[in-house]
Amino acid sequence: MGNKSEIEVDLEKDSLRGLMEKLSQSYGEEFSNLTLDPKTREIKPFYLIFINGRHYQDIPEKMDAKLIEGDLVTISPPVGGG
């Protein structure tokens, strides 16, 4: 996603799954390969993804969680260090 810390996305499908599909289309195979399991198309477990501050795994619908205009989705890549 370049050096952008925030982007705005217009969705055709109003779910986290739809957002990830849209971002994969916009940012290509590299984004898709980094964030999604190639077989299941589910988010890789070491990514922290929050919808309005709530981890998507804590939402019953998980990847099918509905998004509405104004929702803030945060995607945090894995971070290492010590």
Protein backbone atom coordinates (compact mmCIF):
# COMPACT_ATOMS: atom_id res chain seq x y z
CA MET A 1 0.00 0.00 0.00
CA GLY A 2 3.02 2.19 -0.43
CA ASN A 3 3.83 4.67 2.31
CA LYS A 4 0.19 5.43 3.03
CA SER A 5 -0.87 5.02 6.63
CA GLU A 6 -4.53 5.45 5.74
CA ILE A 7 -6.64 4.91 2.64
CA GLU A 8 -10.32 5.16 1.84
CA VAL A 9 -11.94 2.31 -0.07
CA ASP A 10 -15.30 2.09 -1.83
CA LEU A 11 -16.61 -1.44 -1.48
CA GLU A 12 -18.84 -3.44 -3.76
CA LYS A 13 -19.26 -6.12 -1.06
CA ASP A 14 -19.89 -4.77 2.42
CA SER A 15 -17.78 -7.21 4.45
CA LEU A 16 -14.22 -7.67 5.66
CA ARG A 17 -13.88 -10.40 3.03
CA GLY A 18 -15.01 -7.90 0.38
CA LEU A 19 -12.48 -5.36 1.64
CA MET A 20 -9.63 -7.88 1.48
CA GLU A 21 -10.69 -8.84 -2.07
CA LYS A 22 -10.78 -5.18 -3.10
CA LEU A 23 -7.34 -4.51 -1.58
CA SER A 24 -5.96 -7.62 -3.30
CA GLN A 25 -7.27 -6.32 -6.63
CA SER A 26 -5.90 -2.82 -5.99
CA TYR A 27 -2.49 -3.79 -4.61
CA GLY A 28 -1.92 -7.02 -6.48
CA GLU A 29 -0.66 -10.48 -5.83
CA GLU A 30 2.02 -9.30 -3.41
CA PHE A 31 -0.60 -7.89 -1.00
CA SER A 32 -2.76 -10.98 -1.40
CA ASN A 33 0.12 -13.39 -0.82
CA LEU A 34 1.25 -11.49 2.27
CA THR A 35 -2.14 -11.27 3.96
CA LEU A 36 -4.24 -14.21 2.77
CA ASP A 37 -3.74 -17.96 2.88
CA PRO A 38 -3.59 -18.98 -0.81
CA LYS A 39 -5.73 -22.11 -0.29
CA THR A 40 -8.42 -20.90 2.09
CA ARG A 41 -8.37 -17.15 1.22
CA GLU A 42 -8.63 -16.51 4.97
CA ILE A 43 -6.47 -13.90 6.69
CA LYS A 44 -3.14 -15.32 7.82
CA PRO A 45 -3.20 -15.79 11.61
CA PHE A 46 -0.28 -13.50 12.45
CA TYR A 47 -1.98 -10.39 10.99
CA LEU A 48 -3.84 -8.20 13.45
CA ILE A 49 -6.98 -6.85 11.85
CA PHE A 50 -9.37 -4.66 13.78
CA ILE A 51 -12.78 -3.29 12.85
CA ASN A 52 -13.45 -0.14 14.87
CA GLY A 53 -10.92 -1.32 17.46
CA ARG A 54 -12.31 -4.85 17.78
CA HIS A 55 -10.25 -7.81 16.55
CA TYR A 56 -12.10 -9.42 13.66
CA GLN A 57 -11.68 -12.88 15.26
CA ASP A 58 -13.80 -11.64 18.21
CA ILE A 59 -16.70 -10.83 15.87
CA PRO A 60 -18.99 -13.84 15.28
CA GLU A 61 -19.03 -13.33 11.49
CA LYS A 62 -15.23 -13.02 11.33
CA MET A 63 -14.33 -12.40 7.62
CA ASP A 64 -18.00 -11.98 6.77
CA ALA A 65 -18.40 -9.18 9.32
CA LYS A 66 -20.44 -6.41 7.73
CA LEU A 67 -18.81 -3.05 7.16
CA ILE A 68 -20.66 0.24 6.91
CA GLU A 69 -19.57 3.67 5.76
CA GLY A 70 -17.23 5.23 8.29
CA ASP A 71 -15.94 1.95 9.76
CA LEU A 72 -12.24 1.99 10.52
CA VAL A 73 -10.39 -1.19 9.58
CA THR A 74 -6.82 -1.46 10.82
CA ILE A 75 -4.45 -3.99 9.26
CA SER A 76 -1.25 -4.51 11.24
CA PRO A 77 1.47 -6.67 9.74
CA PRO A 78 3.52 -8.98 11.95
CA VAL A 79 6.24 -7.18 13.88
CA GLY A 80 9.31 -8.80 15.36
CA GLY A 81 12.04 -7.60 17.56
CA GLY A 82 13.20 -7.65 21.05
